[in-house]
Amino acid sequence: MEEKGKKLAVRIFNTGIGASKEDQLLIFKQSFFRSKEAKRVNPLGMGVGLLTAKTIVVAHRGHISFSSEGEEKGAEVMVEMLIK
C-alpha cells in the first residue's frame, strides 16, 4: 500500500495461475468469465470476483487494473482510490 499524492494505491500480488493476454482482455468485461486454467484449478469458482471489485471501485471513483506476464506466472491487481 502506498500513498500517491491524493491517491491510495493497493497492490495485491500472487504466484498463482496467472492469465494469458487474451484472458486479461476479458477479466473486467465479461460476467462469469473464467479461464480454462482457472476452471481446472478450482472448478467451483464463479468468475465474478474481479468484475464485482471493479463495480465497487468505479462507484467510488477509483481505478482497478489486472496484469500478468502469462499463464503460470502469477498476477497483480492494483486498486487506486482518491483520498479525501
PDB file of N, CA and C in Angstrom:
ATOM      1  N   MET A   1       0.856  -1.153   0.000  1.00  0.00           N
ATOM      2  CA  MET A   1       0.000   0.000   0.000  1.00  0.00           C
ATOM      3  C   MET A   1       0.907   1.222   0.000  1.00  0.00           C
ATOM      4  N   GLU A   2       0.568   2.206  -0.825  1.00  0.00           N
ATOM      5  CA  GLU A   2       1.347   3.438  -0.853  1.00  0.00           C
ATOM      6  C   GLU A   2       0.431   4.615  -1.141  1.00  0.00           C
ATOM      7  N   GLU A   3       0.810   5.771  -0.620  1.00  0.00           N
ATOM      8  CA  GLU A   3       0.058   6.990  -0.883  1.00  0.00           C
ATOM      9  C   GLU A   3       0.730   7.705  -2.042  1.00  0.00           C
ATOM     10  N   LYS A   4      -0.052   8.032  -3.051  1.00  0.00           N
ATOM     11  CA  LYS A   4       0.476   8.696  -4.243  1.00  0.00           C
ATOM     12  C   LYS A   4      -0.261  10.029  -4.398  1.00  0.00           C
ATOM     13  N   GLY A   5       0.297  11.085  -3.800  1.00  0.00           N
ATOM     14  CA  GLY A   5      -0.388  12.371  -3.870  1.00  0.00           C
ATOM     15  C   GLY A   5      -1.703  12.284  -3.137  1.00  0.00           C
ATOM     16  N   LYS A   6      -2.789  12.433  -3.861  1.00  0.00           N
ATOM     17  CA  LYS A   6      -4.112  12.334  -3.253  1.00  0.00           C
ATOM     18  C   LYS A   6      -4.780  11.007  -3.580  1.00  0.00           C
ATOM     19  N   LYS A   7      -3.966  10.011  -3.877  1.00  0.00           N
ATOM     20  CA  LYS A   7      -4.477   8.675  -4.162  1.00  0.00           C
ATOM     21  C   LYS A   7      -3.838   7.660  -3.226  1.00  0.00           C
ATOM     22  N   LEU A   8      -4.583   6.637  -2.934  1.00  0.00           N
ATOM     23  CA  LEU A   8      -4.070   5.497  -2.195  1.00  0.00           C
ATOM     24  C   LEU A   8      -4.013   4.331  -3.173  1.00  0.00           C
ATOM     25  N   ALA A   9      -2.865   3.699  -3.294  1.00  0.00           N
ATOM     26  CA  ALA A   9      -2.705   2.569  -4.207  1.00  0.00           C
ATOM     27  C   ALA A   9      -2.450   1.304  -3.395  1.00  0.00           C
ATOM     28  N   VAL A  10      -3.216   0.273  -3.682  1.00  0.00           N
ATOM     29  CA  VAL A  10      -3.051  -1.026  -3.044  1.00  0.00           C
ATOM     30  C   VAL A  10      -2.737  -2.032  -4.144  1.00  0.00           C
ATOM     31  N   ARG A  11      -1.612  -2.722  -3.986  1.00  0.00           N
ATOM     32  CA  ARG A  11      -1.216  -3.744  -4.960  1.00  0.00           C
ATOM     33  C   ARG A  11      -1.285  -5.108  -4.295  1.00  0.00           C
ATOM     34  N   ILE A  12      -1.904  -6.036  -4.982  1.00  0.00           N
ATOM     35  CA  ILE A  12      -2.040  -7.396  -4.487  1.00  0.00           C
ATOM     36  C   ILE A  12      -1.354  -8.309  -5.493  1.00  0.00           C
ATOM     37  N   PHE A  13      -0.359  -9.044  -5.027  1.00  0.00           N
ATOM     38  CA  PHE A  13       0.393  -9.960  -5.888  1.00  0.00           C
ATOM     39  C   PHE A  13       0.066 -11.395  -5.493  1.00  0.00           C
ATOM     40  N   ASN A  14       0.129 -12.285  -6.483  1.00  0.00           N
ATOM     41  CA  ASN A  14       0.080 -13.705  -6.154  1.00  0.00           C
ATOM     42  C   ASN A  14       0.986 -14.472  -7.102  1.00  0.00           C
ATOM     43  N   THR A  15       1.263 -15.688  -6.763  1.00  0.00           N
ATOM     44  CA  THR A  15       2.111 -16.535  -7.598  1.00  0.00           C
ATOM     45  C   THR A  15       1.283 -17.668  -8.191  1.00  0.00           C
ATOM     46  N   GLY A  16       0.000 -17.404  -8.386  1.00  0.00           N
ATOM     47  CA  GLY A  16      -0.930 -18.418  -8.870  1.00  0.00           C
ATOM     48  C   GLY A  16      -0.860 -18.655 -10.365  1.00  0.00           C
ATOM     49  N   ILE A  17      -2.013 -18.945 -10.949  1.00  0.00           N
ATOM     50  CA  ILE A  17      -2.081 -19.419 -12.332  1.00  0.00           C
ATOM     51  C   ILE A  17      -1.866 -18.331 -13.374  1.00  0.00           C
ATOM     52  N   GLY A  18      -1.922 -17.075 -12.982  1.00  0.00           N
ATOM     53  CA  GLY A  18      -1.723 -16.001 -13.956  1.00  0.00           C
ATOM     54  C   GLY A  18      -2.837 -15.980 -14.989  1.00  0.00           C
ATOM     55  N   ALA A  19      -2.593 -15.302 -16.112  1.00  0.00           N
ATOM     56  CA  ALA A  19      -3.601 -15.222 -17.172  1.00  0.00           C
ATOM     57  C   ALA A  19      -2.924 -14.890 -18.487  1.00  0.00           C
ATOM     58  N   SER A  20      -3.426 -15.481 -19.551  1.00  0.00           N
ATOM     59  CA  SER A  20      -2.915 -15.166 -20.887  1.00  0.00           C
ATOM     60  C   SER A  20      -3.326 -13.744 -21.256  1.00  0.00           C
ATOM     61  N   LYS A  21      -2.679 -13.179 -22.241  1.00  0.00           N
ATOM     62  CA  LYS A  21      -3.034 -11.826 -22.697  1.00  0.00           C
ATOM     63  C   LYS A  21      -4.482 -11.789 -23.177  1.00  0.00           C
ATOM     64  N   GLU A  22      -4.939 -12.848 -23.854  1.00  0.00           N
ATOM     65  CA  GLU A  22      -6.317 -12.904 -24.339  1.00  0.00           C
ATOM     66  C   GLU A  22      -7.311 -12.907 -23.178  1.00  0.00           C
ATOM     67  N   ASP A  23      -7.018 -13.693 -22.143  1.00  0.00           N
ATOM     68  CA  ASP A  23      -7.903 -13.752 -20.981  1.00  0.00           C
ATOM     69  C   ASP A  23      -7.922 -12.431 -20.226  1.00  0.00           C
ATOM     70  N   GLN A  24      -6.795 -11.741 -20.172  1.00  0.00           N
ATOM     71  CA  GLN A  24      -6.736 -10.463 -19.459  1.00  0.00           C
ATOM     72  C   GLN A  24      -7.688  -9.436 -20.067  1.00  0.00           C
ATOM     73  N   LEU A  25      -7.926  -9.527 -21.362  1.00  0.00           N
ATOM     74  CA  LEU A  25      -8.842  -8.593 -22.021  1.00  0.00           C
ATOM     75  C   LEU A  25     -10.287  -8.804 -21.582  1.00  0.00           C
ATOM     76  N   LEU A  26     -10.616  -9.979 -21.078  1.00  0.00           N
ATOM     77  CA  LEU A  26     -11.997 -10.315 -20.715  1.00  0.00           C
ATOM     78  C   LEU A  26     -12.291 -10.226 -19.222  1.00  0.00           C
ATOM     79  N   ILE A  27     -11.264 -10.150 -18.400  1.00  0.00           N
ATOM     80  CA  ILE A  27     -11.440 -10.248 -16.949  1.00  0.00           C
ATOM     81  C   ILE A  27     -12.431  -9.228 -16.396  1.00  0.00           C
ATOM     82  N   PHE A  28     -12.365  -7.990 -16.837  1.00  0.00           N
ATOM     83  CA  PHE A  28     -13.258  -6.954 -16.314  1.00  0.00           C
ATOM     84  C   PHE A  28     -14.441  -6.683 -17.237  1.00  0.00           C
ATOM     85  N   LYS A  29     -14.549  -7.402 -18.340  1.00  0.00           N
ATOM     86  CA  LYS A  29     -15.585  -7.091 -19.329  1.00  0.00           C
ATOM     87  C   LYS A  29     -16.703  -8.117 -19.416  1.00  0.00           C
ATOM     88  N   GLN A  30     -16.469  -9.321 -18.981  1.00  0.00           N
ATOM     89  CA  GLN A  30     -17.434 -10.392 -19.190  1.00  0.00           C
ATOM     90  C   GLN A  30     -17.863 -10.987 -17.858  1.00  0.00           C
ATOM     91  N   SER A  31     -19.164 -10.942 -17.567  1.00  0.00           N
ATOM     92  CA  SER A  31     -19.678 -11.556 -16.343  1.00  0.00           C
ATOM     93  C   SER A  31     -19.422 -13.054 -16.361  1.00  0.00           C
ATOM     94  N   PHE A  32     -19.079 -13.590 -15.230  1.00  0.00           N
ATOM     95  CA  PHE A  32     -18.854 -15.020 -15.042  1.00  0.00           C
ATOM     96  C   PHE A  32     -17.709 -15.560 -15.894  1.00  0.00           C
ATOM     97  N   PHE A  33     -16.749 -14.701 -16.253  1.00  0.00           N
ATOM     98  CA  PHE A  33     -15.611 -15.165 -17.048  1.00  0.00           C
ATOM     99  C   PHE A  33     -14.631 -15.935 -16.180  1.00  0.00           C
ATOM    100  N   ARG A  34     -14.235 -17.102 -16.661  1.00  0.00           N
ATOM    101  CA  ARG A  34     -13.180 -17.895 -16.025  1.00  0.00           C
ATOM    102  C   ARG A  34     -12.360 -18.540 -17.125  1.00  0.00           C
ATOM    103  N   SER A  35     -11.062 -18.454 -16.997  1.00  0.00           N
ATOM    104  CA  SER A  35     -10.187 -19.091 -17.984  1.00  0.00           C
ATOM    105  C   SER A  35     -10.274 -20.611 -17.840  1.00  0.00           C
ATOM    106  N   LYS A  36      -9.839 -21.310 -18.858  1.00  0.00           N
ATOM    107  CA  LYS A  36      -9.828 -22.778 -18.797  1.00  0.00           C
ATOM    108  C   LYS A  36      -8.965 -23.255 -17.630  1.00  0.00           C
ATOM    109  N   GLU A  37      -7.840 -22.585 -17.428  1.00  0.00           N
ATOM    110  CA  GLU A  37      -6.938 -22.972 -16.340  1.00  0.00           C
ATOM    111  C   GLU A  37      -7.591 -22.737 -14.978  1.00  0.00           C
ATOM    112  N   ALA A  38      -8.302 -21.624 -14.817  1.00  0.00           N
ATOM    113  CA  ALA A  38      -8.987 -21.345 -13.549  1.00  0.00           C
ATOM    114  C   ALA A  38     -10.053 -22.404 -13.273  1.00  0.00           C
ATOM    115  N   LYS A  39     -10.768 -22.812 -14.305  1.00  0.00           N
ATOM    116  CA  LYS A  39     -11.786 -23.859 -14.132  1.00  0.00           C
ATOM    117  C   LYS A  39     -11.147 -25.187 -13.737  1.00  0.00           C
ATOM    118  N   ARG A  40      -9.970 -25.463 -14.287  1.00  0.00           N
ATOM    119  CA  ARG A  40      -9.279 -26.707 -13.966  1.00  0.00           C
ATOM    120  C   ARG A  40      -8.785 -26.705 -12.516  1.00  0.00           C
ATOM    121  N   VAL A  41      -8.189 -25.598 -12.099  1.00  0.00           N
ATOM    122  CA  VAL A  41      -7.613 -25.498 -10.753  1.00  0.00           C
ATOM    123  C   VAL A  41      -8.693 -25.442  -9.680  1.00  0.00           C
ATOM    124  N   ASN A  42      -9.767 -24.697  -9.927  1.00  0.00           N
ATOM    125  CA  ASN A  42     -10.848 -24.545  -8.954  1.00  0.00           C
ATOM    126  C   ASN A  42     -12.187 -24.590  -9.681  1.00  0.00           C
ATOM    127  N   PRO A  43     -12.749 -25.780  -9.864  1.00  0.00           N
ATOM    128  CA  PRO A  43     -13.990 -25.893 -10.637  1.00  0.00           C
ATOM    129  C   PRO A  43     -15.199 -25.233  -9.982  1.00  0.00           C
ATOM    130  N   LEU A  44     -15.113 -24.860  -8.714  1.00  0.00           N
ATOM    131  CA  LEU A  44     -16.267 -24.288  -8.025  1.00  0.00           C
ATOM    132  C   LEU A  44     -16.348 -22.767  -8.098  1.00  0.00           C
ATOM    133  N   GLY A  45     -15.352 -22.102  -8.637  1.00  0.00           N
ATOM    134  CA  GLY A  45     -15.375 -20.637  -8.709  1.00  0.00           C
ATOM    135  C   GLY A  45     -16.500 -20.133  -9.597  1.00  0.00           C
ATOM    136  N   MET A  46     -16.874 -18.872  -9.406  1.00  0.00           N
ATOM    137  CA  MET A  46     -17.976 -18.284 -10.169  1.00  0.00           C
ATOM    138  C   MET A  46     -17.514 -17.302 -11.238  1.00  0.00           C
ATOM    139  N   GLY A  47     -16.328 -16.716 -11.091  1.00  0.00           N
ATOM    140  CA  GLY A  47     -15.863 -15.757 -12.083  1.00  0.00           C
ATOM    141  C   GLY A  47     -16.477 -14.377 -11.947  1.00  0.00           C
ATOM    142  N   VAL A  48     -16.871 -14.003 -10.738  1.00  0.00           N
ATOM    143  CA  VAL A  48     -17.474 -12.678 -10.541  1.00  0.00           C
ATOM    144  C   VAL A  48     -16.648 -11.773  -9.632  1.00  0.00           C
ATOM    145  N   GLY A  49     -15.591 -12.276  -9.032  1.00  0.00           N
ATOM    146  CA  GLY A  49     -14.833 -11.517  -8.036  1.00  0.00           C
ATOM    147  C   GLY A  49     -14.243 -10.220  -8.544  1.00  0.00           C
ATOM    148  N   LEU A  50     -13.457 -10.270  -9.623  1.00  0.00           N
ATOM    149  CA  LEU A  50     -12.812  -9.050 -10.117  1.00  0.00           C
ATOM    150  C   LEU A  50     -13.808  -8.101 -10.763  1.00  0.00           C
ATOM    151  N   LEU A  51     -14.826  -8.624 -11.422  1.00  0.00           N
ATOM    152  CA  LEU A  51     -15.842  -7.747 -12.012  1.00  0.00           C
ATOM    153  C   LEU A  51     -16.630  -7.027 -10.910  1.00  0.00           C
ATOM    154  N   THR A  52     -16.934  -7.737  -9.830  1.00  0.00           N
ATOM    155  CA  THR A  52     -17.615  -7.115  -8.689  1.00  0.00           C
ATOM    156  C   THR A  52     -16.716  -6.069  -8.039  1.00  0.00           C
ATOM    157  N   ALA A  53     -15.433  -6.395  -7.879  1.00  0.00           N
ATOM    158  CA  ALA A  53     -14.482  -5.430  -7.317  1.00  0.00           C
ATOM    159  C   ALA A  53     -14.422  -4.177  -8.180  1.00  0.00           C
ATOM    160  N   LYS A  54     -14.408  -4.348  -9.499  1.00  0.00           N
ATOM    161  CA  LYS A  54     -14.367  -3.189 -10.396  1.00  0.00           C
ATOM    162  C   LYS A  54     -15.612  -2.325 -10.225  1.00  0.00           C
ATOM    163  N   THR A  55     -16.766  -2.944 -10.128  1.00  0.00           N
ATOM    164  CA  THR A  55     -18.015  -2.196  -9.948  1.00  0.00           C
ATOM    165  C   THR A  55     -17.951  -1.338  -8.689  1.00  0.00           C
ATOM    166  N   ILE A  56     -17.450  -1.897  -7.608  1.00  0.00           N
ATOM    167  CA  ILE A  56     -17.350  -1.162  -6.342  1.00  0.00           C
ATOM    168  C   ILE A  56     -16.317  -0.047  -6.439  1.00  0.00           C
ATOM    169  N   VAL A  57     -15.148  -0.358  -6.974  1.00  0.00           N
ATOM    170  CA  VAL A  57     -14.070   0.637  -7.077  1.00  0.00           C
ATOM    171  C   VAL A  57     -14.492   1.803  -7.965  1.00  0.00           C
ATOM    172  N   VAL A  58     -15.079   1.516  -9.114  1.00  0.00           N
ATOM    173  CA  VAL A  58     -15.513   2.579 -10.037  1.00  0.00           C
ATOM    174  C   VAL A  58     -16.623   3.421  -9.406  1.00  0.00           C
ATOM    175  N   ALA A  59     -17.516   2.800  -8.643  1.00  0.00           N
ATOM    176  CA  ALA A  59     -18.584   3.549  -7.969  1.00  0.00           C
ATOM    177  C   ALA A  59     -18.019   4.568  -6.986  1.00  0.00           C
ATOM    178  N   HIS A  60     -16.809   4.317  -6.510  1.00  0.00           N
ATOM    179  CA  HIS A  60     -16.141   5.235  -5.584  1.00  0.00           C
ATOM    180  C   HIS A  60     -15.069   6.062  -6.290  1.00  0.00           C
ATOM    181  N   ARG A  61     -15.203   6.176  -7.603  1.00  0.00           N
ATOM    182  CA  ARG A  61     -14.306   6.976  -8.455  1.00  0.00           C
ATOM    183  C   ARG A  61     -12.856   6.505  -8.409  1.00  0.00           C
ATOM    184  N   GLY A  62     -12.683   5.221  -8.258  1.00  0.00           N
ATOM    185  CA  GLY A  62     -11.348   4.648  -8.244  1.00  0.00           C
ATOM    186  C   GLY A  62     -11.028   3.945  -9.547  1.00  0.00           C
ATOM    187  N   HIS A  63      -9.890   3.280  -9.557  1.00  0.00           N
ATOM    188  CA  HIS A  63      -9.429   2.549 -10.738  1.00  0.00           C
ATOM    189  C   HIS A  63      -8.863   1.209 -10.280  1.00  0.00           C
ATOM    190  N   ILE A  64      -9.145   0.163 -11.039  1.00  0.00           N
ATOM    191  CA  ILE A  64      -8.605  -1.161 -10.748  1.00  0.00           C
ATOM    192  C   ILE A  64      -7.976  -1.716 -12.018  1.00  0.00           C
ATOM    193  N   SER A  65      -6.844  -2.383 -11.863  1.00  0.00           N
ATOM    194  CA  SER A  65      -6.192  -2.983 -13.027  1.00  0.00           C
ATOM    195  C   SER A  65      -5.684  -4.377 -12.670  1.00  0.00           C
ATOM    196  N   PHE A  66      -5.518  -5.183 -13.694  1.00  0.00           N
ATOM    197  CA  PHE A  66      -5.016  -6.547 -13.560  1.00  0.00           C
ATOM    198  C   PHE A  66      -3.880  -6.726 -14.537  1.00  0.00           C
ATOM    199  N   SER A  67      -2.801  -7.338 -14.092  1.00  0.00           N
ATOM    200  CA  SER A  67      -1.713  -7.629 -15.028  1.00  0.00           C
ATOM    201  C   SER A  67      -1.087  -8.974 -14.679  1.00  0.00           C
ATOM    202  N   SER A  68      -0.607  -9.638 -15.715  1.00  0.00           N
ATOM    203  CA  SER A  68       0.063 -10.919 -15.559  1.00  0.00           C
ATOM    204  C   SER A  68       1.010 -11.089 -16.732  1.00  0.00           C
ATOM    205  N   GLU A  69       2.139 -11.704 -16.476  1.00  0.00           N
ATOM    206  CA  GLU A  69       3.103 -11.981 -17.547  1.00  0.00           C
ATOM    207  C   GLU A  69       2.681 -13.190 -18.373  1.00  0.00           C
ATOM    208  N   GLY A  70       1.630 -13.866 -17.953  1.00  0.00           N
ATOM    209  CA  GLY A  70       1.133 -15.026 -18.689  1.00  0.00           C
ATOM    210  C   GLY A  70       0.748 -16.156 -17.754  1.00  0.00           C
ATOM    211  N   GLU A  71       0.275 -17.240 -18.344  1.00  0.00           N
ATOM    212  CA  GLU A  71      -0.152 -18.389 -17.557  1.00  0.00           C
ATOM    213  C   GLU A  71       1.005 -18.940 -16.731  1.00  0.00           C
ATOM    214  N   GLU A  72       0.680 -19.342 -15.502  1.00  0.00           N
ATOM    215  CA  GLU A  72       1.646 -19.895 -14.546  1.00  0.00           C
ATOM    216  C   GLU A  72       2.692 -18.885 -14.080  1.00  0.00           C
ATOM    217  N   LYS A  73       2.425 -17.583 -14.277  1.00  0.00           N
ATOM    218  CA  LYS A  73       3.404 -16.563 -13.883  1.00  0.00           C
ATOM    219  C   LYS A  73       2.853 -15.582 -12.855  1.00  0.00           C
ATOM    220  N   GLY A  74       1.771 -15.951 -12.180  1.00  0.00           N
ATOM    221  CA  GLY A  74       1.215 -15.078 -11.161  1.00  0.00           C
ATOM    222  C   GLY A  74       0.497 -13.878 -11.748  1.00  0.00           C
ATOM    223  N   ALA A  75       0.048 -12.999 -10.859  1.00  0.00           N
ATOM    224  CA  ALA A  75      -0.715 -11.833 -11.295  1.00  0.00           C
ATOM    225  C   ALA A  75      -0.604 -10.717 -10.265  1.00  0.00           C
ATOM    226  N   GLU A  76      -0.991  -9.526 -10.701  1.00  0.00           N
ATOM    227  CA  GLU A  76      -1.047  -8.362  -9.822  1.00  0.00           C
ATOM    228  C   GLU A  76      -2.362  -7.645 -10.076  1.00  0.00           C
ATOM    229  N   VAL A  77      -3.044  -7.301  -9.005  1.00  0.00           N
ATOM    230  CA  VAL A  77      -4.229  -6.451  -9.075  1.00  0.00           C
ATOM    231  C   VAL A  77      -3.875  -5.172  -8.339  1.00  0.00           C
ATOM    232  N   MET A  78      -4.140  -4.030  -8.961  1.00  0.00           N
ATOM    233  CA  MET A  78      -3.868  -2.753  -8.312  1.00  0.00           C
ATOM    234  C   MET A  78      -5.163  -1.951  -8.243  1.00  0.00           C
ATOM    235  N   VAL A  79      -5.443  -1.429  -7.059  1.00  0.00           N
ATOM    236  CA  VAL A  79      -6.610  -0.576  -6.833  1.00  0.00           C
ATOM    237  C   VAL A  79      -6.099   0.792  -6.412  1.00  0.00           C
ATOM    238  N   GLU A  80      -6.587   1.839  -7.085  1.00  0.00           N
ATOM    239  CA  GLU A  80      -6.244   3.216  -6.723  1.00  0.00           C
ATOM    240  C   GLU A  80      -7.524   3.951  -6.361  1.00  0.00           C
ATOM    241  N   MET A  81      -7.506   4.599  -5.197  1.00  0.00           N
ATOM    242  CA  MET A  81      -8.668   5.342  -4.713  1.00  0.00           C
ATOM    243  C   MET A  81      -8.235   6.752  -4.323  1.00  0.00           C
ATOM    244  N   LEU A  82      -9.127   7.706  -4.536  1.00  0.00           N
ATOM    245  CA  LEU A  82      -8.864   9.079  -4.121  1.00  0.00           C
ATOM    246  C   LEU A  82      -8.944   9.178  -2.606  1.00  0.00           C
ATOM    247  N   ILE A  83      -8.057   9.980  -2.021  1.00  0.00           N
ATOM    248  CA  ILE A  83      -8.064  10.228  -0.583  1.00  0.00           C
ATOM    249  C   ILE A  83      -8.702  11.585  -0.360  1.00  0.00           C
ATOM    250  N   LYS A  84      -9.662  11.632   0.542  1.00  0.00           N
ATOM    251  CA  LYS A  84     -10.311  12.911   0.843  1.00  0.00           C
ATOM    252  C   LYS A  84      -9.694  13.521   2.065  1.00  0.00           C
TER     253      LYS A  84
END
